[in-house]
C-alpha atoms as a PDB file:
ATOM      1  CA  MET A   1     -22.359   1.092 -29.418  1.00  0.00           C
ATOM      2  CA  GLU A   2     -19.468   0.309 -27.073  1.00  0.00           C
ATOM      3  CA  LEU A   3     -19.481  -3.420 -26.544  1.00  0.00           C
ATOM      4  CA  PHE A   4     -16.002  -3.957 -25.163  1.00  0.00           C
ATOM      5  CA  LYS A   5     -16.148  -2.178 -21.863  1.00  0.00           C
ATOM      6  CA  SER A   6     -13.892  -4.248 -19.626  1.00  0.00           C
ATOM      7  CA  SER A   7     -11.828  -3.659 -16.508  1.00  0.00           C
ATOM      8  CA  ASN A   8      -9.306  -6.099 -17.916  1.00  0.00           C
ATOM      9  CA  PRO A   9      -6.858  -3.814 -19.787  1.00  0.00           C
ATOM     10  CA  THR A  10      -6.154  -6.613 -22.250  1.00  0.00           C
ATOM     11  CA  LEU A  11      -9.764  -6.766 -23.447  1.00  0.00           C
ATOM     12  CA  THR A  12     -10.929  -3.354 -24.599  1.00  0.00           C
ATOM     13  CA  GLN A  13     -13.271  -1.841 -27.166  1.00  0.00           C
ATOM     14  CA  LYS A  14     -10.418  -0.034 -28.901  1.00  0.00           C
ATOM     15  CA  ILE A  15      -8.470  -3.236 -29.457  1.00  0.00           C
ATOM     16  CA  PHE A  16     -11.405  -5.092 -30.972  1.00  0.00           C
ATOM     17  CA  ASP A  17     -12.489  -2.156 -33.111  1.00  0.00           C
ATOM     18  CA  ALA A  18      -8.976  -1.821 -34.515  1.00  0.00           C
ATOM     19  CA  SER A  19      -8.965  -5.497 -35.445  1.00  0.00           C
ATOM     20  CA  ALA A  20     -12.321  -5.480 -37.228  1.00  0.00           C
ATOM     21  CA  ASN A  21     -11.000  -4.850 -40.738  1.00  0.00           C
ATOM     22  CA  ASN A  22     -10.259  -6.573 -44.021  1.00  0.00           C
ATOM     23  CA  GLU A  23      -7.640  -8.785 -42.383  1.00  0.00           C
ATOM     24  CA  ALA A  24     -10.487 -10.897 -41.027  1.00  0.00           C
ATOM     25  CA  LEU A  25     -11.431 -11.798 -44.587  1.00  0.00           C
ATOM     26  CA  LEU A  26      -7.919 -13.097 -45.254  1.00  0.00           C
ATOM     27  CA  GLN A  27      -7.327 -15.268 -42.196  1.00  0.00           C
ATOM     28  CA  GLY A  28     -10.812 -16.152 -40.942  1.00  0.00           C
ATOM     29  CA  THR A  29     -12.758 -14.821 -37.990  1.00  0.00           C
ATOM     30  CA  MET A  30     -12.662 -15.254 -34.249  1.00  0.00           C
ATOM     31  CA  THR A  31     -14.845 -17.925 -32.607  1.00  0.00           C
ATOM     32  CA  VAL A  32     -15.600 -18.651 -28.970  1.00  0.00           C
ATOM     33  CA  ARG A  33     -14.552 -22.294 -29.344  1.00  0.00           C
ATOM     34  CA  GLY A  34     -11.293 -21.327 -30.996  1.00  0.00           C
ATOM     35  CA  THR A  35     -10.562 -18.886 -28.194  1.00  0.00           C
ATOM     36  CA  MET A  36     -11.237 -21.462 -25.485  1.00  0.00           C
ATOM     37  CA  ASN A  37      -9.071 -24.033 -27.276  1.00  0.00           C
ATOM     38  CA  LYS A  38      -6.206 -21.564 -27.319  1.00  0.00           C
ATOM     39  CA  PHE A  39      -6.834 -20.742 -23.674  1.00  0.00           C
ATOM     40  CA  GLY A  40      -6.470 -24.446 -22.908  1.00  0.00           C
ATOM     41  CA  PHE A  41      -3.138 -24.462 -24.733  1.00  0.00           C
ATOM     42  CA  LEU A  42      -1.939 -21.443 -22.755  1.00  0.00           C
ATOM     43  CA  MET A  43      -2.910 -23.188 -19.525  1.00  0.00           C
ATOM     44  CA  LEU A  44      -0.710 -26.116 -20.545  1.00  0.00           C
ATOM     45  CA  MET A  45       2.151 -23.652 -20.998  1.00  0.00           C
ATOM     46  CA  VAL A  46       1.525 -22.288 -17.502  1.00  0.00           C
ATOM     47  CA  LEU A  47       1.377 -25.795 -16.057  1.00  0.00           C
ATOM     48  CA  GLY A  48       4.637 -26.756 -17.762  1.00  0.00           C
ATOM     49  CA  GLY A  49       6.495 -23.693 -16.494  1.00  0.00           C
ATOM     50  CA  ALA A  50       5.068 -24.042 -12.975  1.00  0.00           C
ATOM     51  CA  THR A  51       5.946 -27.726 -12.785  1.00  0.00           C
ATOM     52  CA  TYR A  52       9.549 -26.974 -13.720  1.00  0.00           C
ATOM     53  CA  THR A  53      10.169 -24.296 -11.090  1.00  0.00           C
ATOM     54  CA  TRP A  54       8.320 -26.355  -8.473  1.00  0.00           C
ATOM     55  CA  HIS A  55      10.595 -29.303  -9.352  1.00  0.00           C
ATOM     56  CA  LEU A  56      13.662 -27.089  -8.930  1.00  0.00           C
ATOM     57  CA  PHE A  57      12.497 -26.023  -5.477  1.00  0.00           C
ATOM     58  CA  GLU A  58      11.775 -29.584  -4.380  1.00  0.00           C
ATOM     59  CA  ASN A  59      15.248 -30.631  -5.546  1.00  0.00           C
ATOM     60  CA  HIS A  60      16.877 -27.877  -3.462  1.00  0.00           C
ATOM     61  CA  ASN A  61      17.872 -25.771  -6.448  1.00  0.00           C
ATOM     62  CA  GLN A  62      16.383 -22.618  -4.990  1.00  0.00           C
ATOM     63  CA  GLN A  63      18.854 -20.311  -6.705  1.00  0.00           C
ATOM     64  CA  MET A  64      17.822 -21.404 -10.189  1.00  0.00           C
ATOM     65  CA  MET A  65      14.187 -21.394  -9.119  1.00  0.00           C
ATOM     66  CA  ALA A  66      14.476 -17.831  -7.825  1.00  0.00           C
ATOM     67  CA  THR A  67      16.163 -16.735 -11.044  1.00  0.00           C
ATOM     68  CA  LEU A  68      13.453 -18.244 -13.218  1.00  0.00           C
ATOM     69  CA  MET A  69      10.750 -16.837 -10.940  1.00  0.00           C
ATOM     70  CA  GLY A  70      12.207 -13.347 -11.375  1.00  0.00           C
ATOM     71  CA  VAL A  71      12.496 -13.849 -15.129  1.00  0.00           C
ATOM     72  CA  GLY A  72       8.901 -15.035 -15.161  1.00  0.00           C
ATOM     73  CA  ILE A  73       7.589 -12.009 -13.255  1.00  0.00           C
ATOM     74  CA  PHE A  74       9.374  -9.358 -15.278  1.00  0.00           C
ATOM     75  CA  GLY A  75       9.349 -11.247 -18.589  1.00  0.00           C
ATOM     76  CA  GLY A  76       5.634 -11.914 -18.217  1.00  0.00           C
ATOM     77  CA  LEU A  77       4.997  -8.232 -17.575  1.00  0.00           C
ATOM     78  CA  ILE A  78       6.936  -7.274 -20.699  1.00  0.00           C
ATOM     79  CA  CYS A  79       5.043  -9.840 -22.786  1.00  0.00           C
ATOM     80  CA  ALA A  80       1.720  -8.601 -21.411  1.00  0.00           C
ATOM     81  CA  ILE A  81       2.498  -4.964 -22.228  1.00  0.00           C
ATOM     82  CA  ALA A  82       3.707  -5.889 -25.718  1.00  0.00           C
ATOM     83  CA  THR A  83       0.553  -7.900 -26.403  1.00  0.00           C
ATOM     84  CA  VAL A  84      -1.738  -5.116 -25.198  1.00  0.00           C
ATOM     85  CA  PHE A  85      -0.163  -2.645 -27.628  1.00  0.00           C
ATOM     86  CA  LYS A  86       0.300  -5.169 -30.457  1.00  0.00           C
ATOM     87  CA  PRO A  87      -2.642  -7.593 -30.358  1.00  0.00           C
ATOM     88  CA  HIS A  88      -1.598  -9.287 -33.611  1.00  0.00           C
ATOM     89  CA  TRP A  89       1.547 -10.444 -31.790  1.00  0.00           C
ATOM     90  CA  ALA A  90      -0.599 -12.468 -29.371  1.00  0.00           C
ATOM     91  CA  GLN A  91      -0.288 -15.700 -31.363  1.00  0.00           C
ATOM     92  CA  TYR A  92       3.475 -15.544 -30.849  1.00  0.00           C
ATOM     93  CA  VAL A  93       3.816 -13.784 -27.504  1.00  0.00           C
ATOM     94  CA  ALA A  94       0.917 -15.353 -25.561  1.00  0.00           C
ATOM     95  CA  PRO A  95       2.542 -18.835 -25.364  1.00  0.00           C
ATOM     96  CA  ALA A  96       5.754 -17.217 -24.070  1.00  0.00           C
ATOM     97  CA  TYR A  97       3.655 -15.283 -21.549  1.00  0.00           C
ATOM     98  CA  GLY A  98       2.083 -18.554 -20.416  1.00  0.00           C
ATOM     99  CA  ILE A  99       5.453 -20.220 -19.816  1.00  0.00           C
ATOM    100  CA  LEU A 100       6.862 -17.168 -18.035  1.00  0.00           C
ATOM    101  CA  GLU A 101       3.817 -16.873 -15.810  1.00  0.00           C
ATOM    102  CA  GLY A 102       4.207 -20.578 -15.082  1.00  0.00           C
ATOM    103  CA  PHE A 103       7.779 -19.994 -13.908  1.00  0.00           C
ATOM    104  CA  ALA A 104       6.561 -17.216 -11.597  1.00  0.00           C
ATOM    105  CA  LEU A 105       3.518 -19.063 -10.262  1.00  0.00           C
ATOM    106  CA  GLY A 106       5.436 -22.292  -9.735  1.00  0.00           C
ATOM    107  CA  GLY A 107       8.081 -20.528  -7.671  1.00  0.00           C
ATOM    108  CA  ILE A 108       5.572 -18.552  -5.630  1.00  0.00           C
ATOM    109  CA  SER A 109       3.445 -21.630  -5.043  1.00  0.00           C
ATOM    110  CA  ALA A 110       6.413 -23.763  -3.974  1.00  0.00           C
ATOM    111  CA  ILE A 111       7.504 -21.134  -1.453  1.00  0.00           C
ATOM    112  CA  MET A 112       3.979 -20.801  -0.062  1.00  0.00           C
ATOM    113  CA  ASN A 113       3.555 -24.560   0.108  1.00  0.00           C
ATOM    114  CA  GLN A 114       6.770 -24.871   2.109  1.00  0.00           C
ATOM    115  CA  ALA A 115       5.880 -21.991   4.421  1.00  0.00           C
ATOM    116  CA  PHE A 116       2.479 -23.449   5.338  1.00  0.00           C
ATOM    117  CA  LYS A 117       3.131 -27.184   5.074  1.00  0.00           C
ATOM    118  CA  THR A 118       2.561 -27.579   8.834  1.00  0.00           C
ATOM    119  CA  THR A 119      -0.240 -25.129   9.550  1.00  0.00           C
ATOM    120  CA  TYR A 120      -2.096 -25.570   6.243  1.00  0.00           C
ATOM    121  CA  PRO A 121      -0.962 -28.673   4.305  1.00  0.00           C
ATOM    122  CA  GLY A 122      -2.300 -28.719   0.755  1.00  0.00           C
ATOM    123  CA  LEU A 123      -2.765 -24.952   0.626  1.00  0.00           C
ATOM    124  CA  VAL A 124      -1.554 -24.654  -2.972  1.00  0.00           C
ATOM    125  CA  MET A 125      -3.673 -27.514  -4.301  1.00  0.00           C
ATOM    126  CA  GLN A 126      -6.703 -26.041  -2.578  1.00  0.00           C
ATOM    127  CA  ALA A 127      -5.955 -22.652  -4.162  1.00  0.00           C
ATOM    128  CA  VAL A 128      -5.689 -24.286  -7.604  1.00  0.00           C
ATOM    129  CA  GLY A 129      -8.933 -26.183  -7.079  1.00  0.00           C
ATOM    130  CA  LEU A 130     -10.777 -23.098  -5.865  1.00  0.00           C
ATOM    131  CA  THR A 131      -9.483 -21.051  -8.795  1.00  0.00           C
ATOM    132  CA  PHE A 132     -10.802 -23.477 -11.380  1.00  0.00           C
ATOM    133  CA  GLY A 133     -13.977 -24.022  -9.374  1.00  0.00           C
ATOM    134  CA  VAL A 134     -14.695 -20.292  -9.237  1.00  0.00           C
ATOM    135  CA  ALA A 135     -13.816 -19.857 -12.924  1.00  0.00           C
ATOM    136  CA  PHE A 136     -16.141 -22.689 -13.960  1.00  0.00           C
ATOM    137  CA  SER A 137     -18.916 -21.339 -11.736  1.00  0.00           C
ATOM    138  CA  MET A 138     -18.578 -17.912 -13.324  1.00  0.00           C
ATOM    139  CA  PHE A 139     -18.723 -19.490 -16.768  1.00  0.00           C
ATOM    140  CA  LEU A 140     -21.946 -21.310 -15.891  1.00  0.00           C
ATOM    141  CA  LEU A 141     -23.462 -18.165 -14.402  1.00  0.00           C
ATOM    142  CA  TYR A 142     -22.622 -16.296 -17.594  1.00  0.00           C
ATOM    143  CA  ASN A 143     -23.566 -19.082 -19.997  1.00  0.00           C
ATOM    144  CA  PHE A 144     -27.021 -19.516 -18.476  1.00  0.00           C
ATOM    145  CA  ARG A 145     -27.421 -15.731 -18.185  1.00  0.00           C
ATOM    146  CA  ILE A 146     -27.876 -15.883 -14.427  1.00  0.00           C
ATOM    147  CA  ILE A 147     -25.463 -12.950 -14.354  1.00  0.00           C
ATOM    148  CA  ASN A 148     -25.688 -10.631 -17.332  1.00  0.00           C
ATOM    149  CA  ALA A 149     -22.838  -8.347 -18.340  1.00  0.00           C
ATOM    150  CA  THR A 150     -25.031  -5.242 -18.437  1.00  0.00           C
ATOM    151  CA  GLU A 151     -23.548  -1.763 -18.685  1.00  0.00           C
ATOM    152  CA  LYS A 152     -24.355  -1.145 -15.018  1.00  0.00           C
ATOM    153  CA  PHE A 153     -22.664  -4.412 -14.019  1.00  0.00           C
ATOM    154  CA  LYS A 154     -19.576  -3.573 -16.082  1.00  0.00           C
ATOM    155  CA  SER A 155     -19.357  -0.087 -14.617  1.00  0.00           C
ATOM    156  CA  MET A 156     -19.529  -1.423 -11.058  1.00  0.00           C
ATOM    157  CA  VAL A 157     -16.871  -4.095 -11.633  1.00  0.00           C
ATOM    158  CA  ILE A 158     -14.593  -1.707 -13.540  1.00  0.00           C
ATOM    159  CA  SER A 159     -14.851   0.910 -10.786  1.00  0.00           C
ATOM    160  CA  ALA A 160     -14.081  -1.667  -8.102  1.00  0.00           C
ATOM    161  CA  THR A 161     -11.137  -3.049 -10.082  1.00  0.00           C
ATOM    162  CA  MET A 162      -9.674   0.394 -10.616  1.00  0.00           C
ATOM    163  CA  GLY A 163     -10.130   1.117  -6.921  1.00  0.00           C
ATOM    164  CA  ILE A 164      -8.233  -2.055  -6.015  1.00  0.00           C
ATOM    165  CA  ALA A 165      -5.415  -1.177  -8.414  1.00  0.00           C
ATOM    166  CA  ILE A 166      -5.108   2.336  -6.933  1.00  0.00           C
ATOM    167  CA  PHE A 167      -5.259   0.965  -3.385  1.00  0.00           C
ATOM    168  CA  TYR A 168      -2.521  -1.580  -4.099  1.00  0.00           C
ATOM    169  CA  GLY A 169      -0.427   1.083  -5.784  1.00  0.00           C
ATOM    170  CA  ILE A 170      -0.729   3.470  -2.833  1.00  0.00           C
ATOM    171  CA  SER A 171       0.123   0.728  -0.329  1.00  0.00           C
ATOM    172  CA  MET A 172       3.264  -0.162  -2.294  1.00  0.00           C
ATOM    173  CA  LEU A 173       4.246   3.491  -2.580  1.00  0.00           C
ATOM    174  CA  VAL A 174       3.863   4.314   1.115  1.00  0.00           C
ATOM    175  CA  ARG A 175       5.733   1.143   2.060  1.00  0.00           C
ATOM    176  CA  MET A 176       8.706   2.381   0.029  1.00  0.00           C
ATOM    177  CA  PHE A 177       8.761   5.415   2.346  1.00  0.00           C
ATOM    178  CA  GLY A 178       8.678   3.255   5.472  1.00  0.00           C
ATOM    179  CA  VAL A 179       4.951   3.559   6.192  1.00  0.00           C
ATOM    180  CA  ASP A 180       3.544   0.138   7.042  1.00  0.00           C
ATOM    181  CA  MET A 181      -0.045  -0.946   6.437  1.00  0.00           C
ATOM    182  CA  PRO A 182      -0.236  -4.191   8.457  1.00  0.00           C
ATOM    183  CA  PHE A 183      -3.731  -5.168   7.356  1.00  0.00           C
ATOM    184  CA  MET A 184      -2.406  -5.534   3.793  1.00  0.00           C
ATOM    185  CA  TYR A 185      -0.199  -8.450   4.809  1.00  0.00           C
ATOM    186  CA  ASN A 186      -1.315  -9.866   8.153  1.00  0.00           C
ATOM    187  CA  SER A 187      -4.032 -12.366   9.070  1.00  0.00           C
ATOM    188  CA  SER A 188      -6.396  -9.921  10.773  1.00  0.00           C
ATOM    189  CA  TRP A 189     -10.104 -10.134  10.059  1.00  0.00           C
ATOM    190  CA  LEU A 190      -9.793  -6.844   8.186  1.00  0.00           C
ATOM    191  CA  GLY A 191      -7.072  -8.327   5.976  1.00  0.00           C
ATOM    192  CA  ILE A 192      -9.153 -11.442   5.332  1.00  0.00           C
ATOM    193  CA  GLY A 193     -12.158  -9.270   4.505  1.00  0.00           C
ATOM    194  CA  ILE A 194     -10.110  -7.272   2.002  1.00  0.00           C
ATOM    195  CA  SER A 195      -8.885 -10.483   0.374  1.00  0.00           C
ATOM    196  CA  LEU A 196     -12.436 -11.831   0.110  1.00  0.00           C
ATOM    197  CA  PHE A 197     -13.554  -8.630  -1.579  1.00  0.00           C
ATOM    198  CA  VAL A 198     -10.660  -8.694  -4.075  1.00  0.00           C
ATOM    199  CA  VAL A 199     -11.296 -12.369  -4.879  1.00  0.00           C
ATOM    200  CA  ALA A 200     -14.958 -11.558  -5.545  1.00  0.00           C
ATOM    201  CA  ILE A 201     -14.055  -8.701  -7.903  1.00  0.00           C
ATOM    202  CA  ALA A 202     -11.498 -10.846  -9.729  1.00  0.00           C
ATOM    203  CA  ALA A 203     -14.164 -13.519 -10.191  1.00  0.00           C
ATOM    204  CA  LEU A 204     -16.687 -11.002 -11.517  1.00  0.00           C
ATOM    205  CA  ASN A 205     -14.108  -9.799 -14.030  1.00  0.00           C
ATOM    206  CA  LEU A 206     -14.382 -13.235 -15.617  1.00  0.00           C
ATOM    207  CA  ILE A 207     -18.011 -12.490 -16.484  1.00  0.00           C
ATOM    208  CA  ILE A 208     -16.911  -9.390 -18.364  1.00  0.00           C
ATOM    209  CA  ASP A 209     -14.093 -11.296 -20.074  1.00  0.00           C
ATOM    210  CA  PHE A 210     -16.458 -14.036 -21.259  1.00  0.00           C
ATOM    211  CA  ASP A 211     -18.750 -11.355 -22.639  1.00  0.00           C
ATOM    212  CA  MET A 212     -15.897  -9.590 -24.426  1.00  0.00           C
ATOM    213  CA  ILE A 213     -14.830 -12.837 -26.097  1.00  0.00           C
ATOM    214  CA  GLU A 214     -18.384 -13.616 -27.181  1.00  0.00           C
ATOM    215  CA  GLN A 215     -18.892 -10.121 -28.553  1.00  0.00           C
ATOM    216  CA  GLY A 216     -15.589 -10.321 -30.402  1.00  0.00           C
ATOM    217  CA  ALA A 217     -16.772 -13.495 -32.106  1.00  0.00           C
ATOM    218  CA  ASN A 218     -20.123 -11.890 -32.919  1.00  0.00           C
ATOM    219  CA  GLN A 219     -18.360  -8.905 -34.491  1.00  0.00           C
ATOM    220  CA  ASN A 220     -16.215 -11.210 -36.660  1.00  0.00           C
ATOM    221  CA  ALA A 221     -12.886 -10.078 -35.245  1.00  0.00           C
ATOM    222  CA  PRO A 222      -9.850 -11.529 -37.081  1.00  0.00           C
ATOM    223  CA  LYS A 223      -8.672 -15.025 -36.252  1.00  0.00           C
ATOM    224  CA  TYR A 224      -5.607 -13.860 -34.320  1.00  0.00           C
ATOM    225  CA  MET A 225      -7.912 -12.248 -31.783  1.00  0.00           C
ATOM    226  CA  GLU A 226      -8.629 -15.746 -30.484  1.00  0.00           C
ATOM    227  CA  TRP A 227      -5.083 -15.726 -29.113  1.00  0.00           C
ATOM    228  CA  TYR A 228      -5.626 -12.261 -27.736  1.00  0.00           C
ATOM    229  CA  GLY A 229      -8.894 -13.230 -26.059  1.00  0.00           C
ATOM    230  CA  ALA A 230      -7.280 -16.334 -24.563  1.00  0.00           C
ATOM    231  CA  PHE A 231      -4.381 -14.223 -23.316  1.00  0.00           C
ATOM    232  CA  GLY A 232      -6.751 -11.717 -21.687  1.00  0.00           C
ATOM    233  CA  LEU A 233      -8.675 -14.492 -19.958  1.00  0.00           C
ATOM    234  CA  LEU A 234      -5.427 -15.987 -18.667  1.00  0.00           C
ATOM    235  CA  VAL A 235      -4.459 -12.631 -17.139  1.00  0.00           C
ATOM    236  CA  THR A 236      -7.635 -12.665 -15.039  1.00  0.00           C
ATOM    237  CA  ILE A 237      -7.208 -16.326 -14.057  1.00  0.00           C
ATOM    238  CA  VAL A 238      -3.647 -15.653 -12.857  1.00  0.00           C
ATOM    239  CA  TRP A 239      -4.865 -12.689 -10.800  1.00  0.00           C
ATOM    240  CA  LEU A 240      -7.677 -14.779  -9.314  1.00  0.00           C
ATOM    241  CA  TYR A 241      -5.288 -17.580  -8.347  1.00  0.00           C
ATOM    242  CA  LEU A 242      -2.841 -15.228  -6.640  1.00  0.00           C
ATOM    243  CA  GLU A 243      -5.622 -13.552  -4.672  1.00  0.00           C
ATOM    244  CA  ILE A 244      -7.073 -16.905  -3.572  1.00  0.00           C
ATOM    245  CA  LEU A 245      -3.589 -18.053  -2.551  1.00  0.00           C
ATOM    246  CA  LYS A 246      -3.186 -14.863  -0.518  1.00  0.00           C
ATOM    247  CA  LEU A 247      -6.596 -15.366   1.110  1.00  0.00           C
ATOM    248  CA  LEU A 248      -5.832 -18.959   2.110  1.00  0.00           C
ATOM    249  CA  SER A 249      -2.438 -17.963   3.502  1.00  0.00           C
ATOM    250  CA  ARG A 250      -4.130 -15.366   5.684  1.00  0.00           C
ATOM    251  CA  ILE A 251      -6.605 -17.942   6.932  1.00  0.00           C
ATOM    252  CA  ALA A 252      -3.685 -20.289   7.634  1.00  0.00           C
ATOM    253  CA  GLY A 253      -1.998 -17.512   9.606  1.00  0.00           C
ATOM    254  CA  ARG A 254      -4.859 -17.520  12.090  1.00  0.00           C
ATOM    255  CA  ARG A 255      -4.174 -21.187  12.865  1.00  0.00           C
ATOM    256  CA  ASP A 256      -0.742 -20.442  14.313  1.00  0.00           C
END
């Protein structure tokens, strides 16, 4: 039976099946608590990296901040791809991914905070608070089985996530050819509606991720998969934060 049906490309059935072998007997097995502990560690890495680039921006060292932000974006992407194809590298690569993502998020957040400090003071802190609030709410909804990760639920969320990815890809492609899609970037009600929808889908992906981690523990995946599960969860959290930040910036744009 296919248990690991996830729209998060870092948490898939194939990855967990490949890990369920004799290696688990040598190093121990995956647990939910162990995964969440490692996720907490990765969040500290993100916080450390973000604090540093934010500090650079506040101290008028924008050039260094921009450099580290670029390194974070592209370095994080490389780390993510490497971890997807080599899950047993997660225990080494995931912390680096956390720091690199922190560099990127800190720079982006500092720029957004500066841009909206008059029209929407505290935008970044509100985005952070909403991200953790939504994530905790999704955890409670999953933990108390108010929302169950059924096959139908997974199929709906996966389809919506793939649709968003294709839509974003097309919008980026047509923009390269000079075709503008204003509702993708402006503060129109259509743009806000799109952002709300994407935030909702990102949040629902957390339900699937929690289920994948729990099923991995139940299937006695090797211990290193705790790092991989934590990494996959962080990918979704980062996406959720960026989409909430985008949504709040659009709302702030209507206050001008």
